C-alpha atoms as a PDB file:
ATOM      1  CA  MET A   1      29.347  95.006 127.192  1.00  0.00           C
ATOM      2  CA  GLU A   2      29.325  91.267 127.705  1.00  0.00           C
ATOM      3  CA  SER A   3      26.387  91.507 130.107  1.00  0.00           C
ATOM      4  CA  ASP A   4      24.358  92.909 127.186  1.00  0.00           C
ATOM      5  CA  PHE A   5      24.983  89.966 124.824  1.00  0.00           C
ATOM      6  CA  ARG A   6      21.514  88.529 125.460  1.00  0.00           C
ATOM      7  CA  GLY A   7      19.996  91.910 124.567  1.00  0.00           C
ATOM      8  CA  LEU A   8      22.124  92.049 121.419  1.00  0.00           C
ATOM      9  CA  ASP A   9      20.919  88.581 120.450  1.00  0.00           C
ATOM     10  CA  GLU A  10      17.288  89.597 120.962  1.00  0.00           C
ATOM     11  CA  ALA A  11      17.660  92.914 119.120  1.00  0.00           C
ATOM     12  CA  PHE A  12      19.399  91.119 116.256  1.00  0.00           C
ATOM     13  CA  ALA A  13      16.668  88.465 115.996  1.00  0.00           C
ATOM     14  CA  TYR A  14      13.959  91.140 116.041  1.00  0.00           C
ATOM     15  CA  ALA A  15      15.725  93.256 113.432  1.00  0.00           C
ATOM     16  CA  ALA A  16      16.492  90.300 111.179  1.00  0.00           C
ATOM     17  CA  THR A  17      12.851  89.235 111.280  1.00  0.00           C
ATOM     18  CA  ASN A  18      11.281  92.670 110.911  1.00  0.00           C
ATOM     19  CA  ALA A  19      13.671  94.127 108.354  1.00  0.00           C
ATOM     20  CA  ALA A  20      13.548  90.975 106.230  1.00  0.00           C
ATOM     21  CA  GLU A  21      10.908  92.420 103.916  1.00  0.00           C
ATOM     22  CA  ASP A  22      13.045  95.487 103.220  1.00  0.00           C
ATOM     23  CA  VAL A  23      15.441  94.481 100.425  1.00  0.00           C
ATOM     24  CA  ASP A  24      17.498  97.631 101.000  1.00  0.00           C
ATOM     25  CA  ALA A  25      18.176  96.839 104.670  1.00  0.00           C
ATOM     26  CA  GLY A  26      20.812  94.572 106.084  1.00  0.00           C
ATOM     27  CA  LEU A  27      22.648  93.847 109.283  1.00  0.00           C
ATOM     28  CA  TYR A  28      25.052  91.417 110.833  1.00  0.00           C
ATOM     29  CA  LEU A  29      26.365  90.761 114.307  1.00  0.00           C
ATOM     30  CA  VAL A  30      29.929  89.725 115.008  1.00  0.00           C
ATOM     31  CA  TYR A  31      31.138  88.379 118.328  1.00  0.00           C
ATOM     32  CA  VAL A  32      34.864  88.713 118.807  1.00  0.00           C
ATOM     33  CA  HIS A  33      37.453  88.333 121.545  1.00  0.00           C
ATOM     34  CA  ALA A  34      39.974  91.179 121.286  1.00  0.00           C
ATOM     35  CA  ASN A  35      42.372  92.814 123.715  1.00  0.00           C
ATOM     36  CA  GLY A  36      41.155  90.607 126.555  1.00  0.00           C
ATOM     37  CA  MET A  37      37.495  91.537 126.025  1.00  0.00           C
ATOM     38  CA  ASN A  38      34.514  89.734 124.509  1.00  0.00           C
ATOM     39  CA  LEU A  39      32.671  92.176 122.255  1.00  0.00           C
ATOM     40  CA  GLY A  40      29.470  92.183 120.215  1.00  0.00           C
ATOM     41  CA  LEU A  41      29.632  94.317 117.085  1.00  0.00           C
ATOM     42  CA  PRO A  42      26.324  94.960 115.299  1.00  0.00           C
ATOM     43  CA  VAL A  43      26.532  96.471 111.808  1.00  0.00           C
ATOM     44  CA  PHE A  44      23.532  97.979 109.989  1.00  0.00           C
ATOM     45  CA  TYR A  45      23.184  99.273 106.485  1.00  0.00           C
ATOM     46  CA  HIS A  46      20.421 100.618 104.278  1.00  0.00           C
ATOM     47  CA  ALA A  47      20.390 101.837 100.682  1.00  0.00           C
ATOM     48  CA  ASP A  48      18.031 104.716 101.535  1.00  0.00           C
ATOM     49  CA  VAL A  49      19.768 106.755 104.219  1.00  0.00           C
ATOM     50  CA  LEU A  50      16.673 108.630 105.404  1.00  0.00           C
ATOM     51  CA  HIS A  51      14.479 105.539 105.601  1.00  0.00           C
ATOM     52  CA  GLY A  52      17.263 103.410 107.061  1.00  0.00           C
ATOM     53  CA  ALA A  53      17.940 105.842 109.895  1.00  0.00           C
ATOM     54  CA  GLN A  54      14.295 105.522 110.976  1.00  0.00           C
ATOM     55  CA  LEU A  55      13.879 101.790 110.440  1.00  0.00           C
ATOM     56  CA  CYS A  56      11.961 100.630 113.512  1.00  0.00           C
ATOM     57  CA  ALA A  57      13.377  97.112 113.181  1.00  0.00           C
ATOM     58  CA  TRP A  58      16.700  98.470 114.442  1.00  0.00           C
ATOM     59  CA  ALA A  59      15.197 100.271 117.436  1.00  0.00           C
ATOM     60  CA  GLY A  60      16.106  97.481 119.874  1.00  0.00           C
ATOM     61  CA  PHE A  61      19.760  98.367 119.552  1.00  0.00           C
ATOM     62  CA  ASN A  62      19.067 101.905 120.784  1.00  0.00           C
ATOM     63  CA  SER A  63      16.499 101.028 123.453  1.00  0.00           C
ATOM     64  CA  GLY A  64      18.815 101.881 126.331  1.00  0.00           C
ATOM     65  CA  SER A  65      19.020  98.274 127.511  1.00  0.00           C
ATOM     66  CA  ILE A  66      22.244  97.725 125.554  1.00  0.00           C
ATOM     67  CA  THR A  67      25.301  99.690 126.625  1.00  0.00           C
ATOM     68  CA  ALA A  68      27.402 100.852 123.697  1.00  0.00           C
ATOM     69  CA  VAL A  69      31.143 100.973 124.232  1.00  0.00           C
ATOM     70  CA  GLY A  70      31.502 102.857 120.953  1.00  0.00           C
ATOM     71  CA  ASP A  71      29.393 104.238 118.140  1.00  0.00           C
ATOM     72  CA  THR A  72      30.502 104.894 114.582  1.00  0.00           C
ATOM     73  CA  THR A  73      27.026 105.601 113.245  1.00  0.00           C
ATOM     74  CA  LYS A  74      27.029 108.119 110.410  1.00  0.00           C
ATOM     75  CA  THR A  75      25.870 108.510 106.856  1.00  0.00           C
ATOM     76  CA  ARG A  76      28.405 107.257 104.318  1.00  0.00           C
ATOM     77  CA  VAL A  77      28.631 105.274 101.134  1.00  0.00           C
ATOM     78  CA  LEU A  78      29.578 101.602 101.281  1.00  0.00           C
ATOM     79  CA  ALA A  79      33.061 102.139  99.839  1.00  0.00           C
ATOM     80  CA  GLU A  80      33.869 104.674 102.582  1.00  0.00           C
ATOM     81  CA  TRP A  81      32.594 102.316 105.290  1.00  0.00           C
ATOM     82  CA  ALA A  82      34.618  99.419 103.837  1.00  0.00           C
ATOM     83  CA  ALA A  83      37.783 101.530 103.845  1.00  0.00           C
ATOM     84  CA  GLU A  84      37.181 102.515 107.495  1.00  0.00           C
ATOM     85  CA  THR A  85      36.481  99.007 108.749  1.00  0.00           C
ATOM     86  CA  MET A  86      39.355  97.507 106.807  1.00  0.00           C
ATOM     87  CA  HIS A  87      41.654  99.046 109.419  1.00  0.00           C
ATOM     88  CA  ASP A  88      39.824  97.143 112.177  1.00  0.00           C
ATOM     89  CA  SER A  89      40.662  93.813 110.606  1.00  0.00           C
ATOM     90  CA  PRO A  90      43.923  92.181 111.547  1.00  0.00           C
ATOM     91  CA  ASN A  91      46.764  92.508 109.113  1.00  0.00           C
ATOM     92  CA  GLY A  92      47.917  89.350 107.510  1.00  0.00           C
ATOM     93  CA  LYS A  93      47.147  87.102 104.634  1.00  0.00           C
ATOM     94  CA  PRO A  94      44.717  84.242 104.220  1.00  0.00           C
ATOM     95  CA  PRO A  95      46.413  80.893 104.730  1.00  0.00           C
ATOM     96  CA  LYS A  96      48.116  79.206 101.830  1.00  0.00           C
ATOM     97  CA  PRO A  97      46.876  75.754 100.857  1.00  0.00           C
ATOM     98  CA  THR A  98      48.891  73.315 102.930  1.00  0.00           C
ATOM     99  CA  SER A  99      47.791  70.212 104.781  1.00  0.00           C
ATOM    100  CA  THR A 100      48.920  71.639 108.152  1.00  0.00           C
ATOM    101  CA  TRP A 101      46.303  74.340 108.573  1.00  0.00           C
ATOM    102  CA  PRO A 102      43.184  72.324 107.664  1.00  0.00           C
ATOM    103  CA  HIS A 103      44.515  69.403 109.685  1.00  0.00           C
ATOM    104  CA  PHE A 104      44.769  71.571 112.801  1.00  0.00           C
ATOM    105  CA  ALA A 105      41.294  73.076 112.267  1.00  0.00           C
ATOM    106  CA  ARG A 106      39.719  69.693 111.566  1.00  0.00           C
ATOM    107  CA  GLU A 107      41.317  68.082 114.618  1.00  0.00           C
ATOM    108  CA  ARG A 108      40.175  70.958 116.852  1.00  0.00           C
ATOM    109  CA  PHE A 109      36.674  70.776 115.351  1.00  0.00           C
ATOM    110  CA  PHE A 110      36.317  67.040 116.015  1.00  0.00           C
ATOM    111  CA  ASP A 111      37.894  67.358 119.477  1.00  0.00           C
ATOM    112  CA  THR A 112      35.237  69.868 120.562  1.00  0.00           C
ATOM    113  CA  VAL A 113      32.125  69.022 118.516  1.00  0.00           C
ATOM    114  CA  SER A 114      31.104  66.356 121.043  1.00  0.00           C
ATOM    115  CA  GLU A 115      30.312  69.197 123.479  1.00  0.00           C
ATOM    116  CA  ILE A 116      27.210  70.032 121.410  1.00  0.00           C
ATOM    117  CA  ALA A 117      26.395  66.549 120.106  1.00  0.00           C
ATOM    118  CA  ASP A 118      23.271  66.219 122.278  1.00  0.00           C
ATOM    119  CA  VAL A 119      21.503  69.217 120.713  1.00  0.00           C
ATOM    120  CA  PRO A 120      18.446  67.826 118.848  1.00  0.00           C
ATOM    121  CA  GLY A 121      19.058  67.610 115.115  1.00  0.00           C
ATOM    122  CA  ILE A 122      22.493  69.224 115.330  1.00  0.00           C
ATOM    123  CA  GLY A 123      24.459  69.298 112.097  1.00  0.00           C
ATOM    124  CA  PRO A 124      27.754  71.093 112.768  1.00  0.00           C
ATOM    125  CA  ASN A 125      30.256  71.353 109.973  1.00  0.00           C
ATOM    126  CA  ILE A 126      33.486  72.943 108.950  1.00  0.00           C
ATOM    127  CA  VAL A 127      33.814  74.044 105.342  1.00  0.00           C
ATOM    128  CA  TYR A 128      36.978  74.905 103.452  1.00  0.00           C
ATOM    129  CA  GLN A 129      36.886  76.748 100.179  1.00  0.00           C
ATOM    130  CA  ALA A 130      39.906  76.999  97.939  1.00  0.00           C
ATOM    131  CA  ILE A 131      40.271  80.153  95.896  1.00  0.00           C
ATOM    132  CA  GLY A 132      42.681  79.459  93.070  1.00  0.00           C
ATOM    133  CA  THR A 133      44.998  81.872  91.324  1.00  0.00           C
ATOM    134  CA  PRO A 134      42.765  82.089  88.204  1.00  0.00           C
ATOM    135  CA  GLN A 135      39.815  83.077  90.429  1.00  0.00           C
ATOM    136  CA  LEU A 136      41.943  85.662  92.219  1.00  0.00           C
ATOM    137  CA  GLN A 137      43.008  87.067  88.839  1.00  0.00           C
ATOM    138  CA  GLN A 138      39.354  87.413  87.803  1.00  0.00           C
ATOM    139  CA  MET A 139      38.677  89.261  91.059  1.00  0.00           C
ATOM    140  CA  LYS A 140      41.132  91.983  90.029  1.00  0.00           C
ATOM    141  CA  LYS A 141      38.886  93.026  87.153  1.00  0.00           C
ATOM    142  CA  ASP A 142      36.732  96.117  87.577  1.00  0.00           C
ATOM    143  CA  GLY A 143      38.702  97.540  90.481  1.00  0.00           C
ATOM    144  CA  GLY A 144      39.736  94.494  92.491  1.00  0.00           C
ATOM    145  CA  ASN A 145      38.074  92.527  95.243  1.00  0.00           C
ATOM    146  CA  ALA A 146      36.671  93.890  98.476  1.00  0.00           C
ATOM    147  CA  ILE A 147      39.399  92.540 100.735  1.00  0.00           C
ATOM    148  CA  GLY A 148      42.424  93.230  98.584  1.00  0.00           C
ATOM    149  CA  LEU A 149      43.424  89.655  97.782  1.00  0.00           C
ATOM    150  CA  ASP A 150      46.402  89.619  95.441  1.00  0.00           C
ATOM    151  CA  PRO A 151      46.653  86.935  92.751  1.00  0.00           C
ATOM    152  CA  SER A 152      50.449  86.948  92.997  1.00  0.00           C
ATOM    153  CA  GLY A 153      50.052  85.408  96.442  1.00  0.00           C
ATOM    154  CA  GLY A 154      48.729  82.233  94.876  1.00  0.00           C
ATOM    155  CA  PRO A 155      45.768  80.156  95.992  1.00  0.00           C
ATOM    156  CA  ILE A 156      44.251  80.565  99.475  1.00  0.00           C
ATOM    157  CA  TYR A 157      41.814  78.828 101.809  1.00  0.00           C
ATOM    158  CA  ILE A 158      38.665  80.222 103.368  1.00  0.00           C
ATOM    159  CA  MET A 159      37.162  78.361 106.326  1.00  0.00           C
ATOM    160  CA  LEU A 160      33.583  78.531 107.605  1.00  0.00           C
ATOM    161  CA  LEU A 161      32.237  76.947 110.769  1.00  0.00           C
ATOM    162  CA  ALA A 162      28.486  76.443 110.505  1.00  0.00           C
ATOM    163  CA  ALA A 163      25.716  74.406 112.104  1.00  0.00           C
ATOM    164  CA  SER A 164      22.027  73.665 111.789  1.00  0.00           C
ATOM    165  CA  TRP A 165      19.742  72.159 114.404  1.00  0.00           C
ATOM    166  CA  THR A 166      16.116  71.200 114.821  1.00  0.00           C
ATOM    167  CA  HIS A 167      14.968  73.839 117.311  1.00  0.00           C
END
């Protein structure tokens, strides 16, 4: 629930700090607006199922202070999880390299970045990465790439919004 976002942030920070020494543990937190709702989606994984299930660094997510609107926790291999979550991602294709799409994103970025310009040491940026057809062809080796990109679709763009700041 949106009222629990602060708790999600705190649980994520605690887990990221306290699981950092465990090379088999990992997590990420996605915030998304979907179907008229703002959602926080934490994802945890661990190479050792028994140890991972008991990892105290993740306890904050189950403390009772965060209300879950769903729970898909279960033991499974990464390939099974990837196949399940693939259906949660919107259908479509990454954008083709044109000047229209990056122009729109860049204009929107510069139109709104002034809203955070007074944050000490702020360094916001927008990064585009081109993935060419030869790279996509190489990704098809050994079973393909994780998100099913097809080299016949030609080159694509990937965009990342990122920022650093002093405090």
